[in-house]
Amino acid sequence: MAEQQWYWCLTHERPEPEGSQDSAGEVLGPYPSEEAARNWEQTNEARNQAWEEEDKRWEGGSDQSDSDT
């Protein structure tokens, strides 16, 4: 049996279980647990920071190869 998925409701500002959530445009998720839905902002911030760091590494590698020519 699959575990229940959770969503963060942007309207009510609370986690809501699958089947009880608002329309797709009003929720974030799915998340694997109520706690994960509740902590969506920290997860999003960490993911964005990791992407920014990866972009900087990628851009730094690109700049080095351009300056060698």
N, C-alpha and C. Protein backbone atom coordinates (compact mmCIF):
# COMPACT_ATOMS: atom_id res chain seq x y z
N MET A 1 0.84 -1.18 0.00
CA MET A 1 0.00 0.00 0.00
C MET A 1 0.89 1.24 0.00
N ALA A 2 0.60 2.19 -0.86
CA ALA A 2 1.38 3.42 -0.96
C ALA A 2 1.10 4.33 0.24
N GLU A 3 2.15 5.02 0.67
CA GLU A 3 1.97 5.96 1.77
C GLU A 3 1.22 7.19 1.29
N GLN A 4 0.53 7.83 2.21
CA GLN A 4 -0.24 9.02 1.88
C GLN A 4 0.70 10.17 1.55
N GLN A 5 0.35 10.93 0.54
CA GLN A 5 1.11 12.11 0.17
C GLN A 5 0.44 13.35 0.76
N TRP A 6 1.26 14.37 0.98
CA TRP A 6 0.79 15.60 1.59
C TRP A 6 1.09 16.78 0.68
N TYR A 7 0.34 17.84 0.85
CA TYR A 7 0.48 19.07 0.08
C TYR A 7 0.50 20.25 1.04
N TRP A 8 1.19 21.32 0.63
CA TRP A 8 1.13 22.57 1.39
C TRP A 8 0.09 23.44 0.70
N CYS A 9 -0.95 23.81 1.42
CA CYS A 9 -2.02 24.63 0.87
C CYS A 9 -1.63 26.10 1.00
N LEU A 10 -1.54 26.78 -0.12
CA LEU A 10 -1.19 28.20 -0.12
C LEU A 10 -2.33 29.07 0.39
N THR A 11 -3.56 28.61 0.24
CA THR A 11 -4.73 29.35 0.70
C THR A 11 -4.85 29.31 2.22
N HIS A 12 -4.76 28.10 2.78
CA HIS A 12 -4.95 27.91 4.22
C HIS A 12 -3.65 27.95 5.02
N GLU A 13 -2.51 27.94 4.30
CA GLU A 13 -1.19 27.95 4.92
C GLU A 13 -1.03 26.83 5.94
N ARG A 14 -1.30 25.61 5.47
CA ARG A 14 -1.17 24.43 6.32
C ARG A 14 -1.01 23.19 5.44
N PRO A 15 -0.46 22.10 6.01
CA PRO A 15 -0.38 20.86 5.25
C PRO A 15 -1.76 20.22 5.14
N GLU A 16 -2.01 19.62 3.99
CA GLU A 16 -3.28 18.93 3.78
C GLU A 16 -3.00 17.58 3.11
N PRO A 17 -3.68 16.53 3.55
CA PRO A 17 -3.45 15.21 2.97
C PRO A 17 -4.03 15.11 1.56
N GLU A 18 -3.45 14.19 0.81
CA GLU A 18 -3.94 13.94 -0.55
C GLU A 18 -5.43 13.62 -0.49
N GLY A 19 -6.18 14.21 -1.39
CA GLY A 19 -7.63 14.02 -1.42
C GLY A 19 -8.38 15.11 -0.70
N SER A 20 -7.69 15.84 0.17
CA SER A 20 -8.32 16.94 0.90
C SER A 20 -7.77 18.29 0.49
N GLN A 21 -6.79 18.28 -0.39
CA GLN A 21 -6.12 19.53 -0.77
C GLN A 21 -6.97 20.34 -1.74
N ASP A 22 -6.65 21.63 -1.81
CA ASP A 22 -7.31 22.53 -2.75
C ASP A 22 -6.88 22.17 -4.18
N SER A 23 -7.31 22.96 -5.14
CA SER A 23 -6.97 22.71 -6.54
C SER A 23 -5.46 22.80 -6.74
N ALA A 24 -4.99 22.23 -7.82
CA ALA A 24 -3.56 22.13 -8.09
C ALA A 24 -2.86 23.48 -8.09
N GLY A 25 -3.52 24.53 -8.49
CA GLY A 25 -2.92 25.85 -8.52
C GLY A 25 -2.77 26.49 -7.15
N GLU A 26 -3.33 25.87 -6.13
CA GLU A 26 -3.31 26.43 -4.78
C GLU A 26 -2.47 25.63 -3.80
N VAL A 27 -1.72 24.64 -4.29
CA VAL A 27 -0.94 23.80 -3.39
C VAL A 27 0.47 23.59 -3.94
N LEU A 28 1.37 23.23 -3.04
CA LEU A 28 2.72 22.79 -3.39
C LEU A 28 2.82 21.33 -3.00
N GLY A 29 3.54 20.57 -3.79
CA GLY A 29 3.71 19.16 -3.46
C GLY A 29 3.47 18.29 -4.65
N PRO A 30 3.44 17.02 -4.46
CA PRO A 30 3.24 16.31 -3.20
C PRO A 30 4.54 16.13 -2.41
N TYR A 31 4.38 15.93 -1.12
CA TYR A 31 5.46 15.64 -0.19
C TYR A 31 5.18 14.29 0.46
N PRO A 32 6.23 13.60 0.89
CA PRO A 32 6.04 12.25 1.43
C PRO A 32 5.43 12.20 2.83
N SER A 33 5.42 13.34 3.53
CA SER A 33 4.87 13.34 4.89
C SER A 33 4.31 14.72 5.23
N GLU A 34 3.53 14.76 6.30
CA GLU A 34 2.99 16.04 6.76
C GLU A 34 4.13 16.98 7.15
N GLU A 35 5.15 16.45 7.82
CA GLU A 35 6.29 17.26 8.24
C GLU A 35 7.02 17.85 7.03
N ALA A 36 7.22 17.04 6.01
CA ALA A 36 7.89 17.53 4.80
C ALA A 36 7.07 18.64 4.14
N ALA A 37 5.77 18.51 4.12
CA ALA A 37 4.91 19.56 3.56
C ALA A 37 5.02 20.83 4.40
N ARG A 38 5.05 20.66 5.71
CA ARG A 38 5.14 21.80 6.62
C ARG A 38 6.48 22.54 6.43
N ASN A 39 7.53 21.80 6.08
CA ASN A 39 8.86 22.38 5.93
C ASN A 39 9.22 22.65 4.48
N TRP A 40 8.24 22.86 3.63
CA TRP A 40 8.49 23.06 2.20
C TRP A 40 9.43 24.23 1.94
N GLU A 41 9.33 25.28 2.74
CA GLU A 41 10.13 26.49 2.48
C GLU A 41 11.62 26.21 2.70
N GLN A 42 11.97 25.49 3.75
CA GLN A 42 13.37 25.16 4.01
C GLN A 42 13.91 24.25 2.92
N THR A 43 13.10 23.29 2.48
CA THR A 43 13.51 22.39 1.41
C THR A 43 13.76 23.17 0.12
N ASN A 44 12.86 24.08 -0.19
CA ASN A 44 12.99 24.89 -1.39
C ASN A 44 14.23 25.77 -1.32
N GLU A 45 14.47 26.38 -0.17
CA GLU A 45 15.63 27.26 0.00
C GLU A 45 16.93 26.47 -0.16
N ALA A 46 17.01 25.30 0.43
CA ALA A 46 18.22 24.48 0.32
C ALA A 46 18.45 24.04 -1.12
N ARG A 47 17.39 23.67 -1.81
CA ARG A 47 17.50 23.25 -3.21
C ARG A 47 17.97 24.41 -4.09
N ASN A 48 17.40 25.59 -3.88
CA ASN A 48 17.80 26.77 -4.66
C ASN A 48 19.25 27.13 -4.40
N GLN A 49 19.68 27.04 -3.16
CA GLN A 49 21.07 27.36 -2.83
C GLN A 49 22.01 26.36 -3.53
N ALA A 50 21.67 25.10 -3.51
CA ALA A 50 22.50 24.09 -4.18
C ALA A 50 22.56 24.35 -5.68
N TRP A 51 21.45 24.74 -6.28
CA TRP A 51 21.44 25.05 -7.72
C TRP A 51 22.30 26.27 -8.02
N GLU A 52 22.23 27.30 -7.17
CA GLU A 52 23.03 28.50 -7.37
C GLU A 52 24.52 28.18 -7.28
N GLU A 53 24.90 27.36 -6.31
CA GLU A 53 26.29 26.96 -6.18
C GLU A 53 26.76 26.17 -7.39
N GLU A 54 25.91 25.29 -7.88
CA GLU A 54 26.25 24.52 -9.08
C GLU A 54 26.38 25.44 -10.29
N ASP A 55 25.50 26.41 -10.42
CA ASP A 55 25.59 27.39 -11.51
C ASP A 55 26.91 28.15 -11.46
N LYS A 56 27.31 28.58 -10.24
CA LYS A 56 28.57 29.30 -10.09
C LYS A 56 29.75 28.44 -10.50
N ARG A 57 29.75 27.16 -10.10
CA ARG A 57 30.84 26.25 -10.50
C ARG A 57 30.84 26.07 -12.01
N TRP A 58 29.66 25.90 -12.59
CA TRP A 58 29.56 25.69 -14.03
C TRP A 58 30.02 26.94 -14.78
N GLU A 59 29.55 28.10 -14.35
CA GLU A 59 29.92 29.35 -15.01
C GLU A 59 31.41 29.63 -14.84
N GLY A 60 31.96 29.31 -13.68
CA GLY A 60 33.38 29.50 -13.44
C GLY A 60 34.21 28.64 -14.37
N GLY A 61 33.80 27.41 -14.61
CA GLY A 61 34.50 26.54 -15.54
C GLY A 61 34.40 27.05 -16.95
N SER A 62 33.26 27.62 -17.32
CA SER A 62 33.05 28.16 -18.66
C SER A 62 33.91 29.40 -18.88
N ASP A 63 33.98 30.27 -17.87
CA ASP A 63 34.78 31.50 -17.98
C ASP A 63 36.25 31.18 -18.16
N GLN A 64 36.75 30.17 -17.47
CA GLN A 64 38.15 29.81 -17.57
C GLN A 64 38.50 29.35 -18.97
N SER A 65 37.67 28.53 -19.57
CA SER A 65 37.98 28.03 -20.90
C SER A 65 37.89 29.14 -21.95
N ASP A 66 36.99 30.13 -21.75
CA ASP A 66 36.87 31.25 -22.68
C ASP A 66 38.11 32.16 -22.62
N SER A 67 38.69 32.34 -21.44
CA SER A 67 39.82 33.24 -21.30
C SER A 67 41.10 32.63 -21.85
N ASP A 68 41.13 31.31 -22.04
CA ASP A 68 42.32 30.64 -22.55
C ASP A 68 42.46 30.78 -24.06
N THR A 69 41.43 31.19 -24.76
CA THR A 69 41.49 31.28 -26.23
C THR A 69 41.88 32.62 -26.72
